Amino acid sequence: TAADNQPTVTIQVFEGERPMTKDNHVLGKFDLTGIPPAPRGVPQIEVTFEIDVNGILKVCYLV
């Protein structure tokens, strides 16, 4: 997290190879809510990406 006691994190998913995020294509975004109160940087959030044989992207997270 970027701030003390941050209850929510927005995850944005992009595709592309450009060095600047703004130059890539947004696939989607979602909010992770219910993060327990803690000093910034203490909550560790792991995000994983999987693409199935049909090209469907699955994004998972673990807090």
PDB file of N, CA and C in Angstrom:
ATOM      1  N   THR A   1       0.841  -1.186   0.000  1.00  0.00           N
ATOM      2  CA  THR A   1       0.000   0.000   0.000  1.00  0.00           C
ATOM      3  C   THR A   1       0.881   1.243   0.000  1.00  0.00           C
ATOM      4  N   ALA A   2       0.330   2.343  -0.446  1.00  0.00           N
ATOM      5  CA  ALA A   2       1.087   3.586  -0.568  1.00  0.00           C
ATOM      6  C   ALA A   2       0.860   4.536   0.601  1.00  0.00           C
ATOM      7  N   ALA A   3      -0.188   4.301   1.400  1.00  0.00           N
ATOM      8  CA  ALA A   3      -0.522   5.201   2.503  1.00  0.00           C
ATOM      9  C   ALA A   3      -0.867   4.395   3.752  1.00  0.00           C
ATOM     10  N   ASP A   4      -0.684   5.008   4.915  1.00  0.00           N
ATOM     11  CA  ASP A   4      -1.078   4.372   6.169  1.00  0.00           C
ATOM     12  C   ASP A   4      -2.583   4.102   6.157  1.00  0.00           C
ATOM     13  N   ASN A   5      -2.976   2.948   6.675  1.00  0.00           N
ATOM     14  CA  ASN A   5      -4.392   2.574   6.834  1.00  0.00           C
ATOM     15  C   ASN A   5      -5.189   2.644   5.533  1.00  0.00           C
ATOM     16  N   GLN A   6      -4.558   2.353   4.429  1.00  0.00           N
ATOM     17  CA  GLN A   6      -5.214   2.403   3.124  1.00  0.00           C
ATOM     18  C   GLN A   6      -6.162   1.213   2.988  1.00  0.00           C
ATOM     19  N   PRO A   7      -7.488   1.453   2.874  1.00  0.00           N
ATOM     20  CA  PRO A   7      -8.450   0.354   2.844  1.00  0.00           C
ATOM     21  C   PRO A   7      -8.682  -0.251   1.459  1.00  0.00           C
ATOM     22  N   THR A   8      -8.258   0.457   0.398  1.00  0.00           N
ATOM     23  CA  THR A   8      -8.548   0.037  -0.967  1.00  0.00           C
ATOM     24  C   THR A   8      -7.339   0.280  -1.871  1.00  0.00           C
ATOM     25  N   VAL A   9      -7.130  -0.613  -2.821  1.00  0.00           N
ATOM     26  CA  VAL A   9      -6.099  -0.438  -3.846  1.00  0.00           C
ATOM     27  C   VAL A   9      -6.754  -0.681  -5.198  1.00  0.00           C
ATOM     28  N   THR A  10      -6.496   0.195  -6.157  1.00  0.00           N
ATOM     29  CA  THR A  10      -7.001   0.007  -7.510  1.00  0.00           C
ATOM     30  C   THR A  10      -5.919  -0.663  -8.350  1.00  0.00           C
ATOM     31  N   ILE A  11      -6.272  -1.781  -8.971  1.00  0.00           N
ATOM     32  CA  ILE A  11      -5.364  -2.506  -9.854  1.00  0.00           C
ATOM     33  C   ILE A  11      -5.810  -2.239 -11.289  1.00  0.00           C
ATOM     34  N   GLN A  12      -4.894  -1.720 -12.105  1.00  0.00           N
ATOM     35  CA  GLN A  12      -5.167  -1.498 -13.518  1.00  0.00           C
ATOM     36  C   GLN A  12      -4.328  -2.483 -14.330  1.00  0.00           C
ATOM     37  N   VAL A  13      -4.947  -3.098 -15.326  1.00  0.00           N
ATOM     38  CA  VAL A  13      -4.268  -4.100 -16.145  1.00  0.00           C
ATOM     39  C   VAL A  13      -4.130  -3.547 -17.568  1.00  0.00           C
ATOM     40  N   PHE A  14      -2.888  -3.537 -18.060  1.00  0.00           N
ATOM     41  CA  PHE A  14      -2.589  -3.008 -19.387  1.00  0.00           C
ATOM     42  C   PHE A  14      -1.935  -4.079 -20.242  1.00  0.00           C
ATOM     43  N   GLU A  15      -2.069  -3.929 -21.572  1.00  0.00           N
ATOM     44  CA  GLU A  15      -1.293  -4.749 -22.498  1.00  0.00           C
ATOM     45  C   GLU A  15      -0.519  -3.807 -23.409  1.00  0.00           C
ATOM     46  N   GLY A  16       0.665  -4.225 -23.777  1.00  0.00           N
ATOM     47  CA  GLY A  16       1.488  -3.426 -24.671  1.00  0.00           C
ATOM     48  C   GLY A  16       2.941  -3.472 -24.256  1.00  0.00           C
ATOM     49  N   GLU A  17       3.776  -2.945 -25.099  1.00  0.00           N
ATOM     50  CA  GLU A  17       5.215  -2.979 -24.861  1.00  0.00           C
ATOM     51  C   GLU A  17       5.834  -1.594 -24.791  1.00  0.00           C
ATOM     52  N   ARG A  18       5.015  -0.565 -24.804  1.00  0.00           N
ATOM     53  CA  ARG A  18       5.533   0.798 -24.752  1.00  0.00           C
ATOM     54  C   ARG A  18       6.040   1.103 -23.349  1.00  0.00           C
ATOM     55  N   PRO A  19       7.106   1.891 -23.219  1.00  0.00           N
ATOM     56  CA  PRO A  19       7.671   2.183 -21.901  1.00  0.00           C
ATOM     57  C   PRO A  19       6.744   3.023 -21.006  1.00  0.00           C
ATOM     58  N   MET A  20       5.892   3.843 -21.610  1.00  0.00           N
ATOM     59  CA  MET A  20       4.971   4.679 -20.837  1.00  0.00           C
ATOM     60  C   MET A  20       3.604   3.999 -20.773  1.00  0.00           C
ATOM     61  N   THR A  21       3.070   3.877 -19.568  1.00  0.00           N
ATOM     62  CA  THR A  21       1.774   3.221 -19.385  1.00  0.00           C
ATOM     63  C   THR A  21       0.699   3.847 -20.256  1.00  0.00           C
ATOM     64  N   LYS A  22       0.707   5.166 -20.359  1.00  0.00           N
ATOM     65  CA  LYS A  22      -0.334   5.873 -21.118  1.00  0.00           C
ATOM     66  C   LYS A  22      -0.365   5.480 -22.590  1.00  0.00           C
ATOM     67  N   ASP A  23       0.732   4.904 -23.084  1.00  0.00           N
ATOM     68  CA  ASP A  23       0.817   4.513 -24.488  1.00  0.00           C
ATOM     69  C   ASP A  23       0.398   3.064 -24.734  1.00  0.00           C
ATOM     70  N   ASN A  24      -0.033   2.369 -23.698  1.00  0.00           N
ATOM     71  CA  ASN A  24      -0.483   0.987 -23.813  1.00  0.00           C
ATOM     72  C   ASN A  24      -2.004   0.912 -23.687  1.00  0.00           C
ATOM     73  N   HIS A  25      -2.571  -0.240 -23.977  1.00  0.00           N
ATOM     74  CA  HIS A  25      -4.022  -0.437 -23.991  1.00  0.00           C
ATOM     75  C   HIS A  25      -4.509  -0.940 -22.632  1.00  0.00           C
ATOM     76  N   VAL A  26      -5.538  -0.280 -22.095  1.00  0.00           N
ATOM     77  CA  VAL A  26      -6.132  -0.697 -20.820  1.00  0.00           C
ATOM     78  C   VAL A  26      -7.058  -1.884 -21.069  1.00  0.00           C
ATOM     79  N   LEU A  27      -6.784  -2.998 -20.374  1.00  0.00           N
ATOM     80  CA  LEU A  27      -7.667  -4.164 -20.464  1.00  0.00           C
ATOM     81  C   LEU A  27      -8.788  -4.080 -19.442  1.00  0.00           C
ATOM     82  N   GLY A  28      -8.501  -3.447 -18.306  1.00  0.00           N
ATOM     83  CA  GLY A  28      -9.511  -3.311 -17.271  1.00  0.00           C
ATOM     84  C   GLY A  28      -8.898  -2.868 -15.963  1.00  0.00           C
ATOM     85  N   LYS A  29      -9.765  -2.644 -14.995  1.00  0.00           N
ATOM     86  CA  LYS A  29      -9.289  -2.289 -13.658  1.00  0.00           C
ATOM     87  C   LYS A  29     -10.298  -2.774 -12.639  1.00  0.00           C
ATOM     88  N   PHE A  30      -9.803  -2.976 -11.407  1.00  0.00           N
ATOM     89  CA  PHE A  30     -10.686  -3.392 -10.325  1.00  0.00           C
ATOM     90  C   PHE A  30     -10.120  -2.893  -9.010  1.00  0.00           C
ATOM     91  N   ASP A  31     -10.989  -2.784  -8.017  1.00  0.00           N
ATOM     92  CA  ASP A  31     -10.589  -2.321  -6.688  1.00  0.00           C
ATOM     93  C   ASP A  31     -10.499  -3.496  -5.728  1.00  0.00           C
ATOM     94  N   LEU A  32      -9.406  -3.549  -4.985  1.00  0.00           N
ATOM     95  CA  LEU A  32      -9.268  -4.494  -3.882  1.00  0.00           C
ATOM     96  C   LEU A  32      -9.720  -3.748  -2.636  1.00  0.00           C
ATOM     97  N   THR A  33     -10.742  -4.243  -1.975  1.00  0.00           N
ATOM     98  CA  THR A  33     -11.264  -3.573  -0.790  1.00  0.00           C
ATOM     99  C   THR A  33     -11.059  -4.443   0.440  1.00  0.00           C
ATOM    100  N   GLY A  34     -11.255  -3.849   1.604  1.00  0.00           N
ATOM    101  CA  GLY A  34     -11.173  -4.603   2.845  1.00  0.00           C
ATOM    102  C   GLY A  34      -9.760  -4.863   3.320  1.00  0.00           C
ATOM    103  N   ILE A  35      -8.810  -4.054   2.872  1.00  0.00           N
ATOM    104  CA  ILE A  35      -7.433  -4.218   3.335  1.00  0.00           C
ATOM    105  C   ILE A  35      -7.383  -3.795   4.800  1.00  0.00           C
ATOM    106  N   PRO A  36      -6.854  -4.637   5.693  1.00  0.00           N
ATOM    107  CA  PRO A  36      -6.828  -4.293   7.112  1.00  0.00           C
ATOM    108  C   PRO A  36      -5.936  -3.080   7.386  1.00  0.00           C
ATOM    109  N   PRO A  37      -6.303  -2.240   8.371  1.00  0.00           N
ATOM    110  CA  PRO A  37      -5.495  -1.067   8.700  1.00  0.00           C
ATOM    111  C   PRO A  37      -4.072  -1.468   9.088  1.00  0.00           C
ATOM    112  N   ALA A  38      -3.102  -0.774   8.498  1.00  0.00           N
ATOM    113  CA  ALA A  38      -1.689  -1.052   8.777  1.00  0.00           C
ATOM    114  C   ALA A  38      -0.859   0.102   8.226  1.00  0.00           C
ATOM    115  N   PRO A  39       0.378   0.242   8.697  1.00  0.00           N
ATOM    116  CA  PRO A  39       1.260   1.264   8.123  1.00  0.00           C
ATOM    117  C   PRO A  39       1.499   0.988   6.631  1.00  0.00           C
ATOM    118  N   ARG A  40       1.792   2.045   5.885  1.00  0.00           N
ATOM    119  CA  ARG A  40       2.023   1.877   4.447  1.00  0.00           C
ATOM    120  C   ARG A  40       3.144   0.876   4.198  1.00  0.00           C
ATOM    121  N   GLY A  41       2.976   0.094   3.175  1.00  0.00           N
ATOM    122  CA  GLY A  41       3.974  -0.898   2.809  1.00  0.00           C
ATOM    123  C   GLY A  41       3.879  -2.214   3.556  1.00  0.00           C
ATOM    124  N   VAL A  42       3.121  -2.245   4.653  1.00  0.00           N
ATOM    125  CA  VAL A  42       3.013  -3.488   5.431  1.00  0.00           C
ATOM    126  C   VAL A  42       2.094  -4.497   4.741  1.00  0.00           C
ATOM    127  N   PRO A  43       0.876  -4.107   4.316  1.00  0.00           N
ATOM    128  CA  PRO A  43       0.056  -5.083   3.597  1.00  0.00           C
ATOM    129  C   PRO A  43       0.740  -5.441   2.275  1.00  0.00           C
ATOM    130  N   GLN A  44       1.013  -6.703   2.078  1.00  0.00           N
ATOM    131  CA  GLN A  44       1.627  -7.166   0.835  1.00  0.00           C
ATOM    132  C   GLN A  44       0.535  -7.777  -0.038  1.00  0.00           C
ATOM    133  N   ILE A  45       0.440  -7.311  -1.272  1.00  0.00           N
ATOM    134  CA  ILE A  45      -0.589  -7.775  -2.198  1.00  0.00           C
ATOM    135  C   ILE A  45       0.113  -8.446  -3.375  1.00  0.00           C
ATOM    136  N   GLU A  46      -0.224  -9.709  -3.599  1.00  0.00           N
ATOM    137  CA  GLU A  46       0.361 -10.463  -4.709  1.00  0.00           C
ATOM    138  C   GLU A  46      -0.677 -10.585  -5.814  1.00  0.00           C
ATOM    139  N   VAL A  47      -0.328 -10.140  -7.011  1.00  0.00           N
ATOM    140  CA  VAL A  47      -1.225 -10.213  -8.161  1.00  0.00           C
ATOM    141  C   VAL A  47      -0.610 -11.172  -9.174  1.00  0.00           C
ATOM    142  N   THR A  48      -1.415 -12.127  -9.663  1.00  0.00           N
ATOM    143  CA  THR A  48      -0.937 -13.070 -10.670  1.00  0.00           C
ATOM    144  C   THR A  48      -1.814 -12.986 -11.919  1.00  0.00           C
ATOM    145  N   PHE A  49      -1.216 -13.302 -13.049  1.00  0.00           N
ATOM    146  CA  PHE A  49      -1.901 -13.263 -14.337  1.00  0.00           C
ATOM    147  C   PHE A  49      -1.771 -14.630 -14.995  1.00  0.00           C
ATOM    148  N   GLU A  50      -2.876 -15.124 -15.545  1.00  0.00           N
ATOM    149  CA  GLU A  50      -2.878 -16.389 -16.283  1.00  0.00           C
ATOM    150  C   GLU A  50      -3.647 -16.179 -17.582  1.00  0.00           C
ATOM    151  N   ILE A  51      -3.140 -16.753 -18.664  1.00  0.00           N
ATOM    152  CA  ILE A  51      -3.850 -16.728 -19.943  1.00  0.00           C
ATOM    153  C   ILE A  51      -4.125 -18.177 -20.330  1.00  0.00           C
ATOM    154  N   ASP A  52      -5.412 -18.503 -20.550  1.00  0.00           N
ATOM    155  CA  ASP A  52      -5.750 -19.888 -20.888  1.00  0.00           C
ATOM    156  C   ASP A  52      -5.560 -20.146 -22.386  1.00  0.00           C
ATOM    157  N   VAL A  53      -5.821 -21.369 -22.818  1.00  0.00           N
ATOM    158  CA  VAL A  53      -5.601 -21.754 -24.217  1.00  0.00           C
ATOM    159  C   VAL A  53      -6.474 -20.974 -25.194  1.00  0.00           C
ATOM    160  N   ASN A  54      -7.567 -20.384 -24.696  1.00  0.00           N
ATOM    161  CA  ASN A  54      -8.458 -19.584 -25.536  1.00  0.00           C
ATOM    162  C   ASN A  54      -8.092 -18.103 -25.526  1.00  0.00           C
ATOM    163  N   GLY A  55      -6.998 -17.750 -24.840  1.00  0.00           N
ATOM    164  CA  GLY A  55      -6.565 -16.360 -24.781  1.00  0.00           C
ATOM    165  C   GLY A  55      -7.304 -15.535 -23.745  1.00  0.00           C
ATOM    166  N   ILE A  56      -8.013 -16.184 -22.832  1.00  0.00           N
ATOM    167  CA  ILE A  56      -8.745 -15.482 -21.778  1.00  0.00           C
ATOM    168  C   ILE A  56      -7.787 -15.176 -20.630  1.00  0.00           C
ATOM    169  N   LEU A  57      -7.735 -13.909 -20.254  1.00  0.00           N
ATOM    170  CA  LEU A  57      -6.867 -13.468 -19.166  1.00  0.00           C
ATOM    171  C   LEU A  57      -7.597 -13.584 -17.838  1.00  0.00           C
ATOM    172  N   LYS A  58      -6.934 -14.177 -16.858  1.00  0.00           N
ATOM    173  CA  LYS A  58      -7.462 -14.292 -15.496  1.00  0.00           C
ATOM    174  C   LYS A  58      -6.480 -13.574 -14.576  1.00  0.00           C
ATOM    175  N   VAL A  59      -6.993 -12.630 -13.789  1.00  0.00           N
ATOM    176  CA  VAL A  59      -6.169 -11.886 -12.841  1.00  0.00           C
ATOM    177  C   VAL A  59      -6.636 -12.245 -11.438  1.00  0.00           C
ATOM    178  N   CYS A  60      -5.705 -12.690 -10.589  1.00  0.00           N
ATOM    179  CA  CYS A  60      -6.020 -13.074  -9.215  1.00  0.00           C
ATOM    180  C   CYS A  60      -5.140 -12.279  -8.264  1.00  0.00           C
ATOM    181  N   TYR A  61      -5.616 -12.136  -7.032  1.00  0.00           N
ATOM    182  CA  TYR A  61      -4.811 -11.444  -6.035  1.00  0.00           C
ATOM    183  C   TYR A  61      -4.907 -12.148  -4.697  1.00  0.00           C
ATOM    184  N   LEU A  62      -3.884 -11.920  -3.877  1.00  0.00           N
ATOM    185  CA  LEU A  62      -3.822 -12.465  -2.529  1.00  0.00           C
ATOM    186  C   LEU A  62      -3.308 -11.359  -1.623  1.00  0.00           C
ATOM    187  N   VAL A  63      -4.078 -11.042  -0.573  1.00  0.00           N
ATOM    188  CA  VAL A  63      -3.667  -9.997   0.380  1.00  0.00           C
ATOM    189  C   VAL A  63      -3.111 -10.668   1.602  1.00  0.00           C
TER     190      VAL A  63
END
